[in-house]
Amino acid sequence: MILLDENSKYKELLNREGIKSTRHRNAILELLEESEFPLTAEQLFITLRDKTASIDLSTVYRTLDTFASKNLIIKSNRADDGKALYELNHNEHKHHLLCVGCHKLISIDDCPIGELMQTLKNKIDFDITGHKLEIYGYCHDCKKFNHTLSSDA
């Protein structure tokens, strides 16, 4: 991984959103782009601290809050410990299953809320402008592992 300088490919994106392009902001965007799964602020901080001169955890949180407020990233919360997970917003409509065992985040391709949105519009004349769905439970591997542990007892 090469942490980008202020002349990165993110500079235009940040400027368009009214955010100053800095080395740390570019690096956070780059880490989120390269990651195959959402990351916590702490995971970003540790990686950045190991790769760059210095950064504070509070800077990571402030940057993530700024990015989330501009819809550059998507923030999800884990049910078990309340930690937030962050991923780049690719402007795809998707929902997530979050495993409370291993913290895996699984994307759902189809939107299960379509009918509910139409029902709400028809019944109570409510126009939905957006929604987010997170379902918590155990993934296949964690469910299998927990079943093995309970059958051994």
C-alpha atoms as a PDB file:
ATOM      1  CA  MET A   1       0.000   0.000   0.000  1.00  0.00           C
ATOM      2  CA  ILE A   2       1.238   3.434  -0.905  1.00  0.00           C
ATOM      3  CA  LEU A   3      -0.232   6.165   1.238  1.00  0.00           C
ATOM      4  CA  LEU A   4      -1.122   9.027  -1.021  1.00  0.00           C
ATOM      5  CA  ASP A   5      -0.061  12.658  -0.764  1.00  0.00           C
ATOM      6  CA  GLU A   6      -2.283  15.703  -1.235  1.00  0.00           C
ATOM      7  CA  ASN A   7      -2.206  15.281  -5.026  1.00  0.00           C
ATOM      8  CA  SER A   8      -4.043  11.977  -4.830  1.00  0.00           C
ATOM      9  CA  LYS A   9      -7.027  10.788  -6.810  1.00  0.00           C
ATOM     10  CA  TYR A  10      -9.159  11.706  -3.783  1.00  0.00           C
ATOM     11  CA  LYS A  11      -8.323  15.424  -3.908  1.00  0.00           C
ATOM     12  CA  GLU A  12     -11.017  16.217  -6.482  1.00  0.00           C
ATOM     13  CA  LEU A  13     -13.605  14.174  -4.585  1.00  0.00           C
ATOM     14  CA  LEU A  14     -12.811  15.916  -1.303  1.00  0.00           C
ATOM     15  CA  ASN A  15     -12.745  19.362  -2.889  1.00  0.00           C
ATOM     16  CA  ARG A  16     -16.115  18.716  -4.552  1.00  0.00           C
ATOM     17  CA  GLU A  17     -17.541  17.980  -1.092  1.00  0.00           C
ATOM     18  CA  GLY A  18     -15.910  21.064   0.433  1.00  0.00           C
ATOM     19  CA  ILE A  19     -13.376  19.050   2.410  1.00  0.00           C
ATOM     20  CA  LYS A  20      -9.698  19.999   2.400  1.00  0.00           C
ATOM     21  CA  SER A  21      -7.511  17.267   0.949  1.00  0.00           C
ATOM     22  CA  THR A  22      -4.837  16.154   3.431  1.00  0.00           C
ATOM     23  CA  ARG A  23      -2.447  13.244   3.615  1.00  0.00           C
ATOM     24  CA  HIS A  24      -4.400  11.619   6.462  1.00  0.00           C
ATOM     25  CA  ARG A  25      -7.791  12.034   4.801  1.00  0.00           C
ATOM     26  CA  ASN A  26      -6.456  10.577   1.571  1.00  0.00           C
ATOM     27  CA  ALA A  27      -4.884   7.685   3.464  1.00  0.00           C
ATOM     28  CA  ILE A  28      -8.164   6.895   5.249  1.00  0.00           C
ATOM     29  CA  LEU A  29     -10.033   6.859   1.938  1.00  0.00           C
ATOM     30  CA  GLU A  30      -7.342   4.683   0.407  1.00  0.00           C
ATOM     31  CA  LEU A  31      -7.484   2.150   3.253  1.00  0.00           C
ATOM     32  CA  LEU A  32     -11.269   1.964   3.008  1.00  0.00           C
ATOM     33  CA  GLU A  33     -11.064   1.520  -0.754  1.00  0.00           C
ATOM     34  CA  GLU A  34      -8.495  -1.286  -0.488  1.00  0.00           C
ATOM     35  CA  SER A  35     -10.284  -3.164   2.275  1.00  0.00           C
ATOM     36  CA  GLU A  36     -12.491  -6.111   1.325  1.00  0.00           C
ATOM     37  CA  PHE A  37     -14.640  -5.526   4.408  1.00  0.00           C
ATOM     38  CA  PRO A  38     -15.685  -2.572   6.582  1.00  0.00           C
ATOM     39  CA  LEU A  39     -13.178  -1.383   9.177  1.00  0.00           C
ATOM     40  CA  THR A  40     -13.476   0.111  12.649  1.00  0.00           C
ATOM     41  CA  ALA A  41     -11.889   3.451  13.479  1.00  0.00           C
ATOM     42  CA  GLU A  42      -9.404   1.582  15.667  1.00  0.00           C
ATOM     43  CA  GLN A  43      -8.359  -0.690  12.796  1.00  0.00           C
ATOM     44  CA  LEU A  44      -7.834   2.342  10.572  1.00  0.00           C
ATOM     45  CA  PHE A  45      -5.890   4.127  13.305  1.00  0.00           C
ATOM     46  CA  ILE A  46      -3.517   1.206  13.926  1.00  0.00           C
ATOM     47  CA  THR A  47      -2.811   0.761  10.216  1.00  0.00           C
ATOM     48  CA  LEU A  48      -2.278   4.490   9.696  1.00  0.00           C
ATOM     49  CA  ARG A  49      -0.083   4.799  12.781  1.00  0.00           C
ATOM     50  CA  ASP A  50       2.127   1.993  11.480  1.00  0.00           C
ATOM     51  CA  LYS A  51       2.364   3.531   7.978  1.00  0.00           C
ATOM     52  CA  THR A  52       2.497   7.300   8.574  1.00  0.00           C
ATOM     53  CA  ALA A  53       4.410   9.677  10.799  1.00  0.00           C
ATOM     54  CA  SER A  54       1.725  10.392  13.369  1.00  0.00           C
ATOM     55  CA  ILE A  55      -2.025  10.507  13.658  1.00  0.00           C
ATOM     56  CA  ASP A  56      -4.372  10.688  16.617  1.00  0.00           C
ATOM     57  CA  LEU A  57      -7.337   8.383  17.075  1.00  0.00           C
ATOM     58  CA  SER A  58      -9.488  11.494  17.531  1.00  0.00           C
ATOM     59  CA  THR A  59      -8.389  12.675  14.056  1.00  0.00           C
ATOM     60  CA  VAL A  60      -9.514   9.357  12.571  1.00  0.00           C
ATOM     61  CA  TYR A  61     -12.923   9.659  14.275  1.00  0.00           C
ATOM     62  CA  ARG A  62     -13.385  13.306  13.205  1.00  0.00           C
ATOM     63  CA  THR A  63     -12.427  12.443   9.638  1.00  0.00           C
ATOM     64  CA  LEU A  64     -14.816   9.487   9.536  1.00  0.00           C
ATOM     65  CA  ASP A  65     -17.639  11.655  10.928  1.00  0.00           C
ATOM     66  CA  THR A  66     -16.951  14.269   8.251  1.00  0.00           C
ATOM     67  CA  PHE A  67     -16.900  11.653   5.499  1.00  0.00           C
ATOM     68  CA  ALA A  68     -20.127  10.062   6.782  1.00  0.00           C
ATOM     69  CA  SER A  69     -21.877  13.455   6.909  1.00  0.00           C
ATOM     70  CA  LYS A  70     -20.998  13.947   3.224  1.00  0.00           C
ATOM     71  CA  ASN A  71     -22.077  10.372   2.316  1.00  0.00           C
ATOM     72  CA  LEU A  72     -18.562   9.459   1.176  1.00  0.00           C
ATOM     73  CA  ILE A  73     -18.597   6.473   3.526  1.00  0.00           C
ATOM     74  CA  ILE A  74     -21.230   4.241   5.066  1.00  0.00           C
ATOM     75  CA  LYS A  75     -21.297   3.756   8.820  1.00  0.00           C
ATOM     76  CA  SER A  76     -22.813   0.593  10.307  1.00  0.00           C
ATOM     77  CA  ASN A  77     -22.937  -0.415  13.956  1.00  0.00           C
ATOM     78  CA  ARG A  78     -22.209  -3.823  15.395  1.00  0.00           C
ATOM     79  CA  ALA A  79     -24.965  -4.956  17.738  1.00  0.00           C
ATOM     80  CA  ASP A  80     -22.798  -6.815  20.219  1.00  0.00           C
ATOM     81  CA  ASP A  81     -20.277  -4.118  21.138  1.00  0.00           C
ATOM     82  CA  GLY A  82     -21.703  -1.003  19.479  1.00  0.00           C
ATOM     83  CA  LYS A  83     -18.510  -0.362  17.499  1.00  0.00           C
ATOM     84  CA  ALA A  84     -18.983   1.378  14.200  1.00  0.00           C
ATOM     85  CA  LEU A  85     -17.812  -0.134  10.925  1.00  0.00           C
ATOM     86  CA  TYR A  86     -16.917   2.078   7.977  1.00  0.00           C
ATOM     87  CA  GLU A  87     -16.789   1.369   4.255  1.00  0.00           C
ATOM     88  CA  LEU A  88     -16.596   3.488   1.134  1.00  0.00           C
ATOM     89  CA  ASN A  89     -19.943   4.488  -0.284  1.00  0.00           C
ATOM     90  CA  HIS A  90     -20.021   3.132  -3.821  1.00  0.00           C
ATOM     91  CA  ASN A  91     -23.555   4.493  -4.182  1.00  0.00           C
ATOM     92  CA  GLU A  92     -24.958   1.002  -4.408  1.00  0.00           C
ATOM     93  CA  HIS A  93     -28.242   0.238  -2.723  1.00  0.00           C
ATOM     94  CA  LYS A  94     -27.415  -2.589  -0.355  1.00  0.00           C
ATOM     95  CA  HIS A  95     -28.193  -3.920   3.073  1.00  0.00           C
ATOM     96  CA  HIS A  96     -26.140  -6.001   5.481  1.00  0.00           C
ATOM     97  CA  LEU A  97     -26.194  -9.056   7.660  1.00  0.00           C
ATOM     98  CA  LEU A  98     -23.799  -8.583  10.600  1.00  0.00           C
ATOM     99  CA  CYS A  99     -22.479 -11.661  12.391  1.00  0.00           C
ATOM    100  CA  VAL A 100     -22.350 -11.073  16.141  1.00  0.00           C
ATOM    101  CA  GLY A 101     -19.883 -13.939  16.471  1.00  0.00           C
ATOM    102  CA  CYS A 102     -17.051 -13.049  14.089  1.00  0.00           C
ATOM    103  CA  HIS A 103     -18.200  -9.521  13.068  1.00  0.00           C
ATOM    104  CA  LYS A 104     -18.380 -10.514   9.397  1.00  0.00           C
ATOM    105  CA  LEU A 105     -20.477  -8.146   7.299  1.00  0.00           C
ATOM    106  CA  ILE A 106     -22.425  -9.836   4.507  1.00  0.00           C
ATOM    107  CA  SER A 107     -24.082  -7.729   1.808  1.00  0.00           C
ATOM    108  CA  ILE A 108     -27.637  -8.520   0.720  1.00  0.00           C
ATOM    109  CA  ASP A 109     -28.081  -8.012  -3.019  1.00  0.00           C
ATOM    110  CA  ASP A 110     -31.853  -7.657  -3.110  1.00  0.00           C
ATOM    111  CA  CYS A 111     -33.739  -5.013  -1.158  1.00  0.00           C
ATOM    112  CA  PRO A 112     -36.310  -6.696   1.113  1.00  0.00           C
ATOM    113  CA  ILE A 113     -37.978  -3.366   1.954  1.00  0.00           C
ATOM    114  CA  GLY A 114     -39.471  -2.494  -1.435  1.00  0.00           C
ATOM    115  CA  GLU A 115     -42.986  -3.775  -0.646  1.00  0.00           C
ATOM    116  CA  LEU A 116     -42.960  -2.187   2.812  1.00  0.00           C
ATOM    117  CA  MET A 117     -42.053   1.188   1.291  1.00  0.00           C
ATOM    118  CA  GLN A 118     -45.022   1.003  -1.090  1.00  0.00           C
ATOM    119  CA  THR A 119     -47.346  -0.121   1.711  1.00  0.00           C
ATOM    120  CA  LEU A 120     -46.292   2.820   3.905  1.00  0.00           C
ATOM    121  CA  LYS A 121     -46.806   5.222   1.016  1.00  0.00           C
ATOM    122  CA  ASN A 122     -50.280   3.862   0.287  1.00  0.00           C
ATOM    123  CA  LYS A 123     -51.467   3.444   3.900  1.00  0.00           C
ATOM    124  CA  ILE A 124     -50.123   6.544   5.612  1.00  0.00           C
ATOM    125  CA  ASP A 125     -49.028   8.716   2.681  1.00  0.00           C
ATOM    126  CA  PHE A 126     -45.388   8.638   3.768  1.00  0.00           C
ATOM    127  CA  ASP A 127     -42.749   9.215   1.098  1.00  0.00           C
ATOM    128  CA  ILE A 128     -39.559   7.370   2.049  1.00  0.00           C
ATOM    129  CA  THR A 129     -36.419   9.099   0.788  1.00  0.00           C
ATOM    130  CA  GLY A 130     -33.973   6.441   1.948  1.00  0.00           C
ATOM    131  CA  HIS A 131     -33.479   3.537   4.299  1.00  0.00           C
ATOM    132  CA  LYS A 132     -30.839   1.291   5.799  1.00  0.00           C
ATOM    133  CA  LEU A 133     -31.281  -2.280   6.985  1.00  0.00           C
ATOM    134  CA  GLU A 134     -28.920  -4.178   9.252  1.00  0.00           C
ATOM    135  CA  ILE A 135     -29.816  -7.663  10.431  1.00  0.00           C
ATOM    136  CA  TYR A 136     -27.858  -9.223  13.280  1.00  0.00           C
ATOM    137  CA  GLY A 137     -27.279 -12.933  13.847  1.00  0.00           C
ATOM    138  CA  TYR A 138     -24.758 -15.719  13.336  1.00  0.00           C
ATOM    139  CA  CYS A 139     -23.105 -16.579  10.033  1.00  0.00           C
ATOM    140  CA  HIS A 140     -22.831 -20.158   8.805  1.00  0.00           C
ATOM    141  CA  ASP A 141     -19.352 -20.683  10.310  1.00  0.00           C
ATOM    142  CA  CYS A 142     -20.208 -19.238  13.729  1.00  0.00           C
ATOM    143  CA  LYS A 143     -23.508 -21.105  13.861  1.00  0.00           C
ATOM    144  CA  LYS A 144     -21.695 -24.342  13.022  1.00  0.00           C
ATOM    145  CA  PHE A 145     -18.995 -23.622  15.627  1.00  0.00           C
ATOM    146  CA  ASN A 146     -21.574 -22.792  18.345  1.00  0.00           C
ATOM    147  CA  HIS A 147     -23.583 -25.933  17.514  1.00  0.00           C
ATOM    148  CA  THR A 148     -20.403 -28.060  17.789  1.00  0.00           C
ATOM    149  CA  LEU A 149     -19.607 -26.544  21.196  1.00  0.00           C
ATOM    150  CA  SER A 150     -23.130 -27.121  22.531  1.00  0.00           C
ATOM    151  CA  SER A 151     -23.227 -30.748  21.302  1.00  0.00           C
ATOM    152  CA  ASP A 152     -19.878 -31.468  22.996  1.00  0.00           C
ATOM    153  CA  ALA A 153     -21.249 -30.572  26.419  1.00  0.00           C
END
